[in-house]
Structure formats: C-alpha cells, structure tokens
C-alpha cells in the first residue's frame, strides 16, 4: 500500500517537533508561539498582549497568560513594557525562537527537496 501523503507530513512534523526545543511545549503554547512569530513578521506595529488575548483563538485569557508564562520560561518570547504607554505589554518572539524557526524551516525545505528527487 502506498504511504498516505498527509500521514507522512504529520509524521515528519511530529518528529521535527519532538527533536527540537518545541517538544517542551504543549499544543496551546506551540500555537501561540506560531501566532506571535507570524504576527510579528507581518506587522510593522508591535504586538500587544491585549491583541494576543483577543485574537489568538484560545478560549480562556487565563490559558493564554499561562502559555505566555511557559513561553517566557523557555525563552521563546519576550514581554516588555510599551515605552509609549506603561499599561501595555509588547509581546515578541525572542532571538532564540527566531533562530529555531529558521532552523526548522531549513529542515522542512531539505525534506521537501528530498521528496522531489
């Protein structure tokens, strides 16, 4: 029987996650990290904690804050005080997270090229 492409992609992704620093994170924290990295790369404006809570598609704000805390503990994101308004917090991916995403992206590119030969 021919291998199902979807199952191969899922297997590859799981092996990639398991073999990286992302293995320490739960699914919600992974999703939030992906969202923070994506939003930070798309927008010129900073990503505020309030936007994360409102738009990250996680049911509970408490869950978001718990995941943000985990991501900070793992040094995947940084949360800093907005210099323009000290009541707001800016959320951004850390240099460690960006390097990790680049490394994982390169691994995906290599995997895709190996399939084309």
PDB file of N, CA and C in Angstrom:
ATOM      1  N   UNK A   1       0.841  -1.179   0.000  1.00  0.00           N
ATOM      2  CA  UNK A   1       0.000   0.000   0.000  1.00  0.00           C
ATOM      3  C   UNK A   1       0.890   1.249   0.000  1.00  0.00           C
ATOM      4  N   UNK A   2       0.526   2.222  -0.813  1.00  0.00           N
ATOM      5  CA  UNK A   2       1.264   3.474  -0.913  1.00  0.00           C
ATOM      6  C   UNK A   2       1.064   4.283   0.368  1.00  0.00           C
ATOM      7  N   UNK A   3       2.119   4.941   0.821  1.00  0.00           N
ATOM      8  CA  UNK A   3       2.046   5.770   2.020  1.00  0.00           C
ATOM      9  C   UNK A   3       1.172   6.983   1.751  1.00  0.00           C
ATOM     10  N   UNK A   4       0.309   7.285   2.678  1.00  0.00           N
ATOM     11  CA  UNK A   4      -0.563   8.439   2.582  1.00  0.00           C
ATOM     12  C   UNK A   4       0.260   9.711   2.814  1.00  0.00           C
ATOM     13  N   UNK A   5       0.178  10.675   1.884  1.00  0.00           N
ATOM     14  CA  UNK A   5       0.967  11.906   1.961  1.00  0.00           C
ATOM     15  C   UNK A   5       0.679  12.689   3.237  1.00  0.00           C
ATOM     16  N   UNK A   6      -0.590  12.776   3.601  1.00  0.00           N
ATOM     17  CA  UNK A   6      -0.958  13.508   4.812  1.00  0.00           C
ATOM     18  C   UNK A   6      -0.299  12.887   6.041  1.00  0.00           C
ATOM     19  N   UNK A   7      -0.325  11.578   6.127  1.00  0.00           N
ATOM     20  CA  UNK A   7       0.281  10.899   7.269  1.00  0.00           C
ATOM     21  C   UNK A   7       1.801  11.094   7.294  1.00  0.00           C
ATOM     22  N   UNK A   8       2.416  11.129   6.123  1.00  0.00           N
ATOM     23  CA  UNK A   8       3.854  11.388   6.053  1.00  0.00           C
ATOM     24  C   UNK A   8       4.195  12.793   6.544  1.00  0.00           C
ATOM     25  N   UNK A   9       3.383  13.776   6.148  1.00  0.00           N
ATOM     26  CA  UNK A   9       3.595  15.152   6.612  1.00  0.00           C
ATOM     27  C   UNK A   9       3.439  15.224   8.128  1.00  0.00           C
ATOM     28  N   UNK A  10       2.376  14.609   8.650  1.00  0.00           N
ATOM     29  CA  UNK A  10       2.149  14.621  10.104  1.00  0.00           C
ATOM     30  C   UNK A  10       3.304  13.943  10.842  1.00  0.00           C
ATOM     31  N   UNK A  11       3.781  12.822  10.318  1.00  0.00           N
ATOM     32  CA  UNK A  11       4.903  12.123  10.938  1.00  0.00           C
ATOM     33  C   UNK A  11       6.143  12.995  10.940  1.00  0.00           C
ATOM     34  N   UNK A  12       6.443  13.613   9.793  1.00  0.00           N
ATOM     35  CA  UNK A  12       7.605  14.479   9.693  1.00  0.00           C
ATOM     36  C   UNK A  12       7.518  15.631  10.686  1.00  0.00           C
ATOM     37  N   UNK A  13       6.358  16.279  10.744  1.00  0.00           N
ATOM     38  CA  UNK A  13       6.197  17.410  11.665  1.00  0.00           C
ATOM     39  C   UNK A  13       6.362  16.980  13.117  1.00  0.00           C
ATOM     40  N   UNK A  14       5.772  15.859  13.480  1.00  0.00           N
ATOM     41  CA  UNK A  14       5.883  15.392  14.856  1.00  0.00           C
ATOM     42  C   UNK A  14       7.328  15.042  15.204  1.00  0.00           C
ATOM     43  N   UNK A  15       8.019  14.377  14.293  1.00  0.00           N
ATOM     44  CA  UNK A  15       9.433  14.053  14.529  1.00  0.00           C
ATOM     45  C   UNK A  15      10.277  15.315  14.646  1.00  0.00           C
ATOM     46  N   UNK A  16       9.966  16.310  13.827  1.00  0.00           N
ATOM     47  CA  UNK A  16      10.702  17.571  13.858  1.00  0.00           C
ATOM     48  C   UNK A  16      10.467  18.289  15.176  1.00  0.00           C
ATOM     49  N   UNK A  17       9.224  18.349  15.596  1.00  0.00           N
ATOM     50  CA  UNK A  17       8.905  18.987  16.883  1.00  0.00           C
ATOM     51  C   UNK A  17       9.561  18.230  18.024  1.00  0.00           C
ATOM     52  N   UNK A  18       9.421  16.910  18.012  1.00  0.00           N
ATOM     53  CA  UNK A  18       9.989  16.091  19.094  1.00  0.00           C
ATOM     54  C   UNK A  18      11.504  16.222  19.184  1.00  0.00           C
ATOM     55  N   UNK A  19      12.156  16.500  18.069  1.00  0.00           N
ATOM     56  CA  UNK A  19      13.607  16.621  18.052  1.00  0.00           C
ATOM     57  C   UNK A  19      14.107  18.037  18.285  1.00  0.00           C
ATOM     58  N   UNK A  20      13.242  18.926  18.720  1.00  0.00           N
ATOM     59  CA  UNK A  20      13.637  20.322  18.914  1.00  0.00           C
ATOM     60  C   UNK A  20      13.206  20.815  20.296  1.00  0.00           C
ATOM     61  N   UNK A  21      13.527  22.063  20.554  1.00  0.00           N
ATOM     62  CA  UNK A  21      13.140  22.698  21.810  1.00  0.00           C
ATOM     63  C   UNK A  21      11.621  22.811  21.940  1.00  0.00           C
ATOM     64  N   UNK A  22      10.918  22.695  20.834  1.00  0.00           N
ATOM     65  CA  UNK A  22       9.451  22.798  20.859  1.00  0.00           C
ATOM     66  C   UNK A  22       8.805  21.611  21.575  1.00  0.00           C
ATOM     67  N   UNK A  23       9.546  20.530  21.740  1.00  0.00           N
ATOM     68  CA  UNK A  23       8.997  19.340  22.407  1.00  0.00           C
ATOM     69  C   UNK A  23       8.607  19.631  23.853  1.00  0.00           C
ATOM     70  N   UNK A  24       9.188  20.674  24.442  1.00  0.00           N
ATOM     71  CA  UNK A  24       8.896  21.030  25.833  1.00  0.00           C
ATOM     72  C   UNK A  24       7.579  21.782  25.980  1.00  0.00           C
ATOM     73  N   UNK A  25       6.969  22.162  24.858  1.00  0.00           N
ATOM     74  CA  UNK A  25       5.769  22.997  24.892  1.00  0.00           C
ATOM     75  C   UNK A  25       4.511  22.193  24.627  1.00  0.00           C
ATOM     76  N   UNK A  26       3.414  22.599  25.255  1.00  0.00           N
ATOM     77  CA  UNK A  26       2.120  21.974  24.989  1.00  0.00           C
ATOM     78  C   UNK A  26       1.543  22.562  23.696  1.00  0.00           C
ATOM     79  N   UNK A  27       0.449  21.978  23.221  1.00  0.00           N
ATOM     80  CA  UNK A  27      -0.137  22.385  21.934  1.00  0.00           C
ATOM     81  C   UNK A  27      -0.550  23.853  21.904  1.00  0.00           C
ATOM     82  N   UNK A  28      -1.141  24.339  22.981  1.00  0.00           N
ATOM     83  CA  UNK A  28      -1.587  25.745  23.001  1.00  0.00           C
ATOM     84  C   UNK A  28      -0.386  26.678  22.969  1.00  0.00           C
ATOM     85  N   UNK A  29       0.643  26.365  23.727  1.00  0.00           N
ATOM     86  CA  UNK A  29       1.849  27.199  23.713  1.00  0.00           C
ATOM     87  C   UNK A  29       2.505  27.189  22.335  1.00  0.00           C
ATOM     88  N   UNK A  30       2.521  26.035  21.685  1.00  0.00           N
ATOM     89  CA  UNK A  30       3.049  25.955  20.316  1.00  0.00           C
ATOM     90  C   UNK A  30       2.248  26.846  19.369  1.00  0.00           C
ATOM     91  N   UNK A  31       0.941  26.766  19.494  1.00  0.00           N
ATOM     92  CA  UNK A  31       0.069  27.571  18.638  1.00  0.00           C
ATOM     93  C   UNK A  31       0.282  29.063  18.885  1.00  0.00           C
ATOM     94  N   UNK A  32       0.410  29.455  20.150  1.00  0.00           N
ATOM     95  CA  UNK A  32       0.648  30.863  20.466  1.00  0.00           C
ATOM     96  C   UNK A  32       2.006  31.330  19.945  1.00  0.00           C
ATOM     97  N   UNK A  33       3.015  30.492  20.087  1.00  0.00           N
ATOM     98  CA  UNK A  33       4.332  30.857  19.565  1.00  0.00           C
ATOM     99  C   UNK A  33       4.266  31.056  18.056  1.00  0.00           C
ATOM    100  N   UNK A  34       3.631  30.137  17.352  1.00  0.00           N
ATOM    101  CA  UNK A  34       3.457  30.290  15.907  1.00  0.00           C
ATOM    102  C   UNK A  34       2.764  31.609  15.585  1.00  0.00           C
ATOM    103  N   UNK A  35       1.727  31.915  16.353  1.00  0.00           N
ATOM    104  CA  UNK A  35       0.937  33.128  16.106  1.00  0.00           C
ATOM    105  C   UNK A  35       1.780  34.371  16.369  1.00  0.00           C
ATOM    106  N   UNK A  36       2.543  34.388  17.456  1.00  0.00           N
ATOM    107  CA  UNK A  36       3.387  35.538  17.787  1.00  0.00           C
ATOM    108  C   UNK A  36       4.446  35.747  16.703  1.00  0.00           C
ATOM    109  N   UNK A  37       5.084  34.677  16.268  1.00  0.00           N
ATOM    110  CA  UNK A  37       6.115  34.792  15.232  1.00  0.00           C
ATOM    111  C   UNK A  37       5.491  35.298  13.934  1.00  0.00           C
ATOM    112  N   UNK A  38       4.365  34.739  13.560  1.00  0.00           N
ATOM    113  CA  UNK A  38       3.692  35.155  12.324  1.00  0.00           C
ATOM    114  C   UNK A  38       3.258  36.610  12.378  1.00  0.00           C
ATOM    115  N   UNK A  39       2.602  36.998  13.466  1.00  0.00           N
ATOM    116  CA  UNK A  39       2.128  38.376  13.591  1.00  0.00           C
ATOM    117  C   UNK A  39       3.283  39.371  13.637  1.00  0.00           C
ATOM    118  N   UNK A  40       4.343  39.004  14.300  1.00  0.00           N
ATOM    119  CA  UNK A  40       5.496  39.903  14.396  1.00  0.00           C
ATOM    120  C   UNK A  40       6.174  40.100  13.048  1.00  0.00           C
ATOM    121  N   UNK A  41       6.161  39.072  12.221  1.00  0.00           N
ATOM    122  CA  UNK A  41       6.798  39.204  10.907  1.00  0.00           C
ATOM    123  C   UNK A  41       5.910  39.952   9.913  1.00  0.00           C
ATOM    124  N   UNK A  42       4.613  39.955  10.139  1.00  0.00           N
ATOM    125  CA  UNK A  42       3.679  40.600   9.205  1.00  0.00           C
ATOM    126  C   UNK A  42       3.492  42.086   9.472  1.00  0.00           C
ATOM    127  N   UNK A  43       3.475  42.465  10.721  1.00  0.00           N
ATOM    128  CA  UNK A  43       3.080  43.822  11.082  1.00  0.00           C
ATOM    129  C   UNK A  43       4.289  44.674  11.447  1.00  0.00           C
ATOM    130  N   UNK A  44       4.216  45.930  11.058  1.00  0.00           N
ATOM    131  CA  UNK A  44       5.255  46.867  11.456  1.00  0.00           C
ATOM    132  C   UNK A  44       5.028  47.329  12.896  1.00  0.00           C
ATOM    133  N   UNK A  45       3.774  47.337  13.302  1.00  0.00           N
ATOM    134  CA  UNK A  45       3.427  47.766  14.662  1.00  0.00           C
ATOM    135  C   UNK A  45       3.694  46.634  15.649  1.00  0.00           C
ATOM    136  N   UNK A  46       3.960  46.979  16.894  1.00  0.00           N
ATOM    137  CA  UNK A  46       4.191  45.930  17.895  1.00  0.00           C
ATOM    138  C   UNK A  46       2.932  45.117  18.167  1.00  0.00           C
ATOM    139  N   UNK A  47       3.138  43.903  18.617  1.00  0.00           N
ATOM    140  CA  UNK A  47       2.039  43.027  19.030  1.00  0.00           C
ATOM    141  C   UNK A  47       1.852  43.224  20.532  1.00  0.00           C
ATOM    142  N   UNK A  48       0.677  43.655  20.904  1.00  0.00           N
ATOM    143  CA  UNK A  48       0.383  43.893  22.315  1.00  0.00           C
ATOM    144  C   UNK A  48      -0.274  42.671  22.938  1.00  0.00           C
ATOM    145  N   UNK A  49      -0.060  42.503  24.228  1.00  0.00           N
ATOM    146  CA  UNK A  49      -0.653  41.386  24.958  1.00  0.00           C
ATOM    147  C   UNK A  49      -2.171  41.366  24.772  1.00  0.00           C
ATOM    148  N   UNK A  50      -2.805  42.518  24.788  1.00  0.00           N
ATOM    149  CA  UNK A  50      -4.254  42.586  24.614  1.00  0.00           C
ATOM    150  C   UNK A  50      -4.670  41.992  23.276  1.00  0.00           C
ATOM    151  N   UNK A  51      -3.927  42.253  22.211  1.00  0.00           N
ATOM    152  CA  UNK A  51      -4.231  41.673  20.903  1.00  0.00           C
ATOM    153  C   UNK A  51      -4.075  40.169  20.927  1.00  0.00           C
ATOM    154  N   UNK A  52      -3.060  39.716  21.617  1.00  0.00           N
ATOM    155  CA  UNK A  52      -2.839  38.277  21.745  1.00  0.00           C
ATOM    156  C   UNK A  52      -4.036  37.622  22.423  1.00  0.00           C
ATOM    157  N   UNK A  53      -4.500  38.222  23.505  1.00  0.00           N
ATOM    158  CA  UNK A  53      -5.642  37.678  24.237  1.00  0.00           C
ATOM    159  C   UNK A  53      -6.908  37.693  23.378  1.00  0.00           C
ATOM    160  N   UNK A  54      -7.109  38.766  22.628  1.00  0.00           N
ATOM    161  CA  UNK A  54      -8.342  38.917  21.847  1.00  0.00           C
ATOM    162  C   UNK A  54      -8.359  38.129  20.540  1.00  0.00           C
ATOM    163  N   UNK A  55      -7.198  37.926  19.936  1.00  0.00           N
ATOM    164  CA  UNK A  55      -7.180  37.389  18.572  1.00  0.00           C
ATOM    165  C   UNK A  55      -6.454  36.062  18.384  1.00  0.00           C
ATOM    166  N   UNK A  56      -5.982  35.456  19.440  1.00  0.00           N
ATOM    167  CA  UNK A  56      -5.182  34.243  19.293  1.00  0.00           C
ATOM    168  C   UNK A  56      -6.026  32.973  19.202  1.00  0.00           C
ATOM    169  N   UNK A  57      -7.329  33.106  19.249  1.00  0.00           N
ATOM    170  CA  UNK A  57      -8.237  31.957  19.125  1.00  0.00           C
ATOM    171  C   UNK A  57      -8.014  30.895  20.197  1.00  0.00           C
ATOM    172  N   UNK A  58      -7.803  31.359  21.417  1.00  0.00           N
ATOM    173  CA  UNK A  58      -7.735  30.489  22.585  1.00  0.00           C
ATOM    174  C   UNK A  58      -8.874  30.932  23.495  1.00  0.00           C
ATOM    175  N   UNK A  59      -9.639  29.966  23.963  1.00  0.00           N
ATOM    176  CA  UNK A  59     -10.885  30.263  24.672  1.00  0.00           C
ATOM    177  C   UNK A  59     -10.708  31.114  25.920  1.00  0.00           C
ATOM    178  N   UNK A  60      -9.719  30.820  26.722  1.00  0.00           N
ATOM    179  CA  UNK A  60      -9.611  31.464  28.024  1.00  0.00           C
ATOM    180  C   UNK A  60      -8.396  32.387  28.108  1.00  0.00           C
ATOM    181  N   UNK A  61      -8.603  33.636  28.531  1.00  0.00           N
ATOM    182  CA  UNK A  61      -7.449  34.510  28.754  1.00  0.00           C
ATOM    183  C   UNK A  61      -6.461  33.921  29.768  1.00  0.00           C
ATOM    184  N   UNK A  62      -6.976  33.221  30.764  1.00  0.00           N
ATOM    185  CA  UNK A  62      -6.086  32.603  31.761  1.00  0.00           C
ATOM    186  C   UNK A  62      -5.163  31.578  31.101  1.00  0.00           C
ATOM    187  N   UNK A  63      -5.693  30.840  30.144  1.00  0.00           N
ATOM    188  CA  UNK A  63      -4.876  29.863  29.407  1.00  0.00           C
ATOM    189  C   UNK A  63      -3.790  30.572  28.606  1.00  0.00           C
ATOM    190  N   UNK A  64      -4.131  31.688  28.015  1.00  0.00           N
ATOM    191  CA  UNK A  64      -3.156  32.454  27.250  1.00  0.00           C
ATOM    192  C   UNK A  64      -2.036  32.939  28.164  1.00  0.00           C
ATOM    193  N   UNK A  65      -2.409  33.506  29.306  1.00  0.00           N
ATOM    194  CA  UNK A  65      -1.385  34.013  30.230  1.00  0.00           C
ATOM    195  C   UNK A  65      -0.496  32.879  30.744  1.00  0.00           C
ATOM    196  N   UNK A  66      -1.078  31.719  30.985  1.00  0.00           N
ATOM    197  CA  UNK A  66      -0.300  30.561  31.429  1.00  0.00           C
ATOM    198  C   UNK A  66       0.685  30.139  30.327  1.00  0.00           C
ATOM    199  N   UNK A  67       0.211  30.102  29.092  1.00  0.00           N
ATOM    200  CA  UNK A  67       1.075  29.726  27.972  1.00  0.00           C
ATOM    201  C   UNK A  67       2.151  30.778  27.728  1.00  0.00           C
ATOM    202  N   UNK A  68       1.807  32.045  27.859  1.00  0.00           N
ATOM    203  CA  UNK A  68       2.800  33.116  27.710  1.00  0.00           C
ATOM    204  C   UNK A  68       3.891  32.945  28.767  1.00  0.00           C
ATOM    205  N   UNK A  69       3.491  32.620  29.969  1.00  0.00           N
ATOM    206  CA  UNK A  69       4.458  32.386  31.037  1.00  0.00           C
ATOM    207  C   UNK A  69       5.388  31.217  30.683  1.00  0.00           C
ATOM    208  N   UNK A  70       4.822  30.128  30.166  1.00  0.00           N
ATOM    209  CA  UNK A  70       5.642  28.981  29.747  1.00  0.00           C
ATOM    210  C   UNK A  70       6.612  29.385  28.642  1.00  0.00           C
ATOM    211  N   UNK A  71       6.120  30.150  27.676  1.00  0.00           N
ATOM    212  CA  UNK A  71       6.967  30.572  26.564  1.00  0.00           C
ATOM    213  C   UNK A  71       8.084  31.498  27.043  1.00  0.00           C
ATOM    214  N   UNK A  72       7.783  32.323  28.013  1.00  0.00           N
ATOM    215  CA  UNK A  72       8.819  33.187  28.595  1.00  0.00           C
ATOM    216  C   UNK A  72       9.841  32.340  29.350  1.00  0.00           C
ATOM    217  N   UNK A  73       9.370  31.358  30.109  1.00  0.00           N
ATOM    218  CA  UNK A  73      10.278  30.474  30.852  1.00  0.00           C
ATOM    219  C   UNK A  73      11.212  29.715  29.918  1.00  0.00           C
ATOM    220  N   UNK A  74      10.703  29.342  28.743  1.00  0.00           N
ATOM    221  CA  UNK A  74      11.506  28.622  27.749  1.00  0.00           C
ATOM    222  C   UNK A  74      12.319  29.581  26.868  1.00  0.00           C
ATOM    223  N   UNK A  75      12.209  30.876  27.147  1.00  0.00           N
ATOM    224  CA  UNK A  75      12.916  31.928  26.415  1.00  0.00           C
ATOM    225  C   UNK A  75      12.541  31.961  24.928  1.00  0.00           C
ATOM    226  N   UNK A  76      11.274  31.668  24.647  1.00  0.00           N
ATOM    227  CA  UNK A  76      10.778  31.689  23.270  1.00  0.00           C
ATOM    228  C   UNK A  76      10.145  33.035  22.906  1.00  0.00           C
ATOM    229  N   UNK A  77       9.617  33.735  23.904  1.00  0.00           N
ATOM    230  CA  UNK A  77       9.063  35.068  23.655  1.00  0.00           C
ATOM    231  C   UNK A  77       9.578  36.018  24.721  1.00  0.00           C
ATOM    232  N   UNK A  78       9.465  37.296  24.394  1.00  0.00           N
ATOM    233  CA  UNK A  78       9.804  38.362  25.332  1.00  0.00           C
ATOM    234  C   UNK A  78       8.569  39.221  25.510  1.00  0.00           C
ATOM    235  N   UNK A  79       8.319  39.648  26.720  1.00  0.00           N
ATOM    236  CA  UNK A  79       7.223  40.567  27.020  1.00  0.00           C
ATOM    237  C   UNK A  79       7.855  41.772  27.696  1.00  0.00           C
ATOM    238  N   UNK A  80       7.682  42.925  27.073  1.00  0.00           N
ATOM    239  CA  UNK A  80       8.286  44.155  27.590  1.00  0.00           C
ATOM    240  C   UNK A  80       7.220  45.237  27.739  1.00  0.00           C
ATOM    241  N   UNK A  81       7.502  46.196  28.585  1.00  0.00           N
ATOM    242  CA  UNK A  81       6.604  47.328  28.793  1.00  0.00           C
ATOM    243  C   UNK A  81       6.698  48.248  27.586  1.00  0.00           C
ATOM    244  N   UNK A  82       5.542  48.678  27.100  1.00  0.00           N
ATOM    245  CA  UNK A  82       5.485  49.624  25.991  1.00  0.00           C
ATOM    246  C   UNK A  82       6.006  50.973  26.486  1.00  0.00           C
ATOM    247  N   UNK A  83       7.051  51.516  25.865  1.00  0.00           N
ATOM    248  CA  UNK A  83       7.582  52.806  26.331  1.00  0.00           C
ATOM    249  C   UNK A  83       6.605  53.970  26.141  1.00  0.00           C
ATOM    250  N   UNK A  84       5.639  53.809  25.228  1.00  0.00           N
ATOM    251  CA  UNK A  84       4.665  54.870  24.990  1.00  0.00           C
ATOM    252  C   UNK A  84       3.485  54.828  25.955  1.00  0.00           C
ATOM    253  N   UNK A  85       3.218  53.664  26.516  1.00  0.00           N
ATOM    254  CA  UNK A  85       2.110  53.514  27.457  1.00  0.00           C
ATOM    255  C   UNK A  85       2.458  52.355  28.400  1.00  0.00           C
ATOM    256  N   UNK A  86       2.866  52.666  29.590  1.00  0.00           N
ATOM    257  CA  UNK A  86       3.370  51.652  30.513  1.00  0.00           C
ATOM    258  C   UNK A  86       2.302  50.669  30.976  1.00  0.00           C
ATOM    259  N   UNK A  87       1.053  50.904  30.629  1.00  0.00           N
ATOM    260  CA  UNK A  87      -0.007  49.945  30.962  1.00  0.00           C
ATOM    261  C   UNK A  87      -0.037  48.781  29.975  1.00  0.00           C
ATOM    262  N   UNK A  88       0.572  48.965  28.816  1.00  0.00           N
ATOM    263  CA  UNK A  88       0.551  47.932  27.783  1.00  0.00           C
ATOM    264  C   UNK A  88       1.843  47.124  27.799  1.00  0.00           C
ATOM    265  N   UNK A  89       1.714  45.870  27.355  1.00  0.00           N
ATOM    266  CA  UNK A  89       2.865  44.984  27.227  1.00  0.00           C
ATOM    267  C   UNK A  89       3.016  44.586  25.764  1.00  0.00           C
ATOM    268  N   UNK A  90       4.238  44.618  25.293  1.00  0.00           N
ATOM    269  CA  UNK A  90       4.561  44.207  23.926  1.00  0.00           C
ATOM    270  C   UNK A  90       5.082  42.778  23.978  1.00  0.00           C
ATOM    271  N   UNK A  91       4.543  41.948  23.100  1.00  0.00           N
ATOM    272  CA  UNK A  91       4.958  40.543  23.008  1.00  0.00           C
ATOM    273  C   UNK A  91       5.702  40.368  21.696  1.00  0.00           C
ATOM    274  N   UNK A  92       6.870  39.745  21.788  1.00  0.00           N
ATOM    275  CA  UNK A  92       7.636  39.499  20.560  1.00  0.00           C
ATOM    276  C   UNK A  92       8.418  38.196  20.695  1.00  0.00           C
ATOM    277  N   UNK A  93       8.684  37.571  19.561  1.00  0.00           N
ATOM    278  CA  UNK A  93       9.487  36.340  19.615  1.00  0.00           C
ATOM    279  C   UNK A  93      10.913  36.692  20.015  1.00  0.00           C
ATOM    280  N   UNK A  94      11.539  35.808  20.736  1.00  0.00           N
ATOM    281  CA  UNK A  94      12.931  36.020  21.132  1.00  0.00           C
ATOM    282  C   UNK A  94      13.856  35.667  19.969  1.00  0.00           C
ATOM    283  N   UNK A  95      15.098  36.076  20.091  1.00  0.00           N
ATOM    284  CA  UNK A  95      16.098  35.707  19.084  1.00  0.00           C
ATOM    285  C   UNK A  95      16.246  34.188  19.030  1.00  0.00           C
ATOM    286  N   UNK A  96      16.130  33.528  20.176  1.00  0.00           N
ATOM    287  CA  UNK A  96      16.215  32.062  20.225  1.00  0.00           C
ATOM    288  C   UNK A  96      15.092  31.439  19.399  1.00  0.00           C
ATOM    289  N   UNK A  97      13.871  31.949  19.562  1.00  0.00           N
ATOM    290  CA  UNK A  97      12.726  31.410  18.820  1.00  0.00           C
ATOM    291  C   UNK A  97      12.890  31.642  17.322  1.00  0.00           C
ATOM    292  N   UNK A  98      13.368  32.819  16.943  1.00  0.00           N
ATOM    293  CA  UNK A  98      13.537  33.118  15.519  1.00  0.00           C
ATOM    294  C   UNK A  98      14.608  32.226  14.887  1.00  0.00           C
ATOM    295  N   UNK A  99      15.695  31.980  15.612  1.00  0.00           N
ATOM    296  CA  UNK A  99      16.730  31.069  15.107  1.00  0.00           C
ATOM    297  C   UNK A  99      16.179  29.651  14.980  1.00  0.00           C
ATOM    298  N   UNK A 100      15.398  29.239  15.972  1.00  0.00           N
ATOM    299  CA  UNK A 100      14.791  27.912  15.928  1.00  0.00           C
ATOM    300  C   UNK A 100      13.860  27.787  14.730  1.00  0.00           C
ATOM    301  N   UNK A 101      13.023  28.793  14.497  1.00  0.00           N
ATOM    302  CA  UNK A 101      12.104  28.753  13.356  1.00  0.00           C
ATOM    303  C   UNK A 101      12.874  28.697  12.042  1.00  0.00           C
ATOM    304  N   UNK A 102      13.975  29.448  11.949  1.00  0.00           N
ATOM    305  CA  UNK A 102      14.800  29.396  10.734  1.00  0.00           C
ATOM    306  C   UNK A 102      15.390  28.000  10.541  1.00  0.00           C
ATOM    307  N   UNK A 103      15.893  27.416  11.632  1.00  0.00           N
ATOM    308  CA  UNK A 103      16.480  26.073  11.547  1.00  0.00           C
ATOM    309  C   UNK A 103      15.434  25.046  11.137  1.00  0.00           C
ATOM    310  N   UNK A 104      14.247  25.135  11.732  1.00  0.00           N
ATOM    311  CA  UNK A 104      13.185  24.186  11.384  1.00  0.00           C
ATOM    312  C   UNK A 104      12.700  24.414   9.956  1.00  0.00           C
ATOM    313  N   UNK A 105      12.644  25.675   9.538  1.00  0.00           N
ATOM    314  CA  UNK A 105      12.266  25.972   8.161  1.00  0.00           C
ATOM    315  C   UNK A 105      13.248  25.371   7.166  1.00  0.00           C
ATOM    316  N   UNK A 106      14.531  25.454   7.489  1.00  0.00           N
ATOM    317  CA  UNK A 106      15.549  24.847   6.623  1.00  0.00           C
ATOM    318  C   UNK A 106      15.392  23.332   6.568  1.00  0.00           C
ATOM    319  N   UNK A 107      15.047  22.744   7.702  1.00  0.00           N
ATOM    320  CA  UNK A 107      14.840  21.289   7.724  1.00  0.00           C
ATOM    321  C   UNK A 107      13.646  20.902   6.848  1.00  0.00           C
ATOM    322  N   UNK A 108      12.587  21.699   6.893  1.00  0.00           N
ATOM    323  CA  UNK A 108      11.419  21.435   6.048  1.00  0.00           C
ATOM    324  C   UNK A 108      11.794  21.581   4.577  1.00  0.00           C
ATOM    325  N   UNK A 109      12.550  22.638   4.247  1.00  0.00           N
ATOM    326  CA  UNK A 109      12.977  22.839   2.855  1.00  0.00           C
ATOM    327  C   UNK A 109      13.784  21.648   2.347  1.00  0.00           C
ATOM    328  N   UNK A 110      14.699  21.151   3.176  1.00  0.00           N
ATOM    329  CA  UNK A 110      15.509  19.981   2.802  1.00  0.00           C
ATOM    330  C   UNK A 110      14.626  18.769   2.601  1.00  0.00           C
ATOM    331  N   UNK A 111      13.658  18.573   3.478  1.00  0.00           N
ATOM    332  CA  UNK A 111      12.747  17.435   3.375  1.00  0.00           C
ATOM    333  C   UNK A 111      11.934  17.507   2.079  1.00  0.00           C
ATOM    334  N   UNK A 112      11.431  18.674   1.760  1.00  0.00           N
ATOM    335  CA  UNK A 112      10.640  18.853   0.535  1.00  0.00           C
ATOM    336  C   UNK A 112      11.501  18.566  -0.691  1.00  0.00           C
ATOM    337  N   UNK A 113      12.726  19.064  -0.694  1.00  0.00           N
ATOM    338  CA  UNK A 113      13.627  18.804  -1.834  1.00  0.00           C
ATOM    339  C   UNK A 113      13.916  17.317  -1.969  1.00  0.00           C
ATOM    340  N   UNK A 114      14.027  16.618  -0.843  1.00  0.00           N
ATOM    341  CA  UNK A 114      14.302  15.166  -0.912  1.00  0.00           C
ATOM    342  C   UNK A 114      13.135  14.406  -1.519  1.00  0.00           C
ATOM    343  N   UNK A 115      11.943  14.939  -1.388  1.00  0.00           N
ATOM    344  CA  UNK A 115      10.760  14.288  -1.964  1.00  0.00           C
ATOM    345  C   UNK A 115      10.675  14.495  -3.474  1.00  0.00           C
ATOM    346  N   UNK A 116      11.303  15.545  -3.966  1.00  0.00           N
ATOM    347  CA  UNK A 116      11.209  15.897  -5.382  1.00  0.00           C
ATOM    348  C   UNK A 116      12.222  15.128  -6.237  1.00  0.00           C
ATOM    349  N   UNK A 117      13.101  14.379  -5.623  1.00  0.00           N
ATOM    350  CA  UNK A 117      14.105  13.630  -6.382  1.00  0.00           C
ATOM    351  C   UNK A 117      13.715  12.207  -6.559  1.00  0.00           C
TER     352      UNK A 117
END
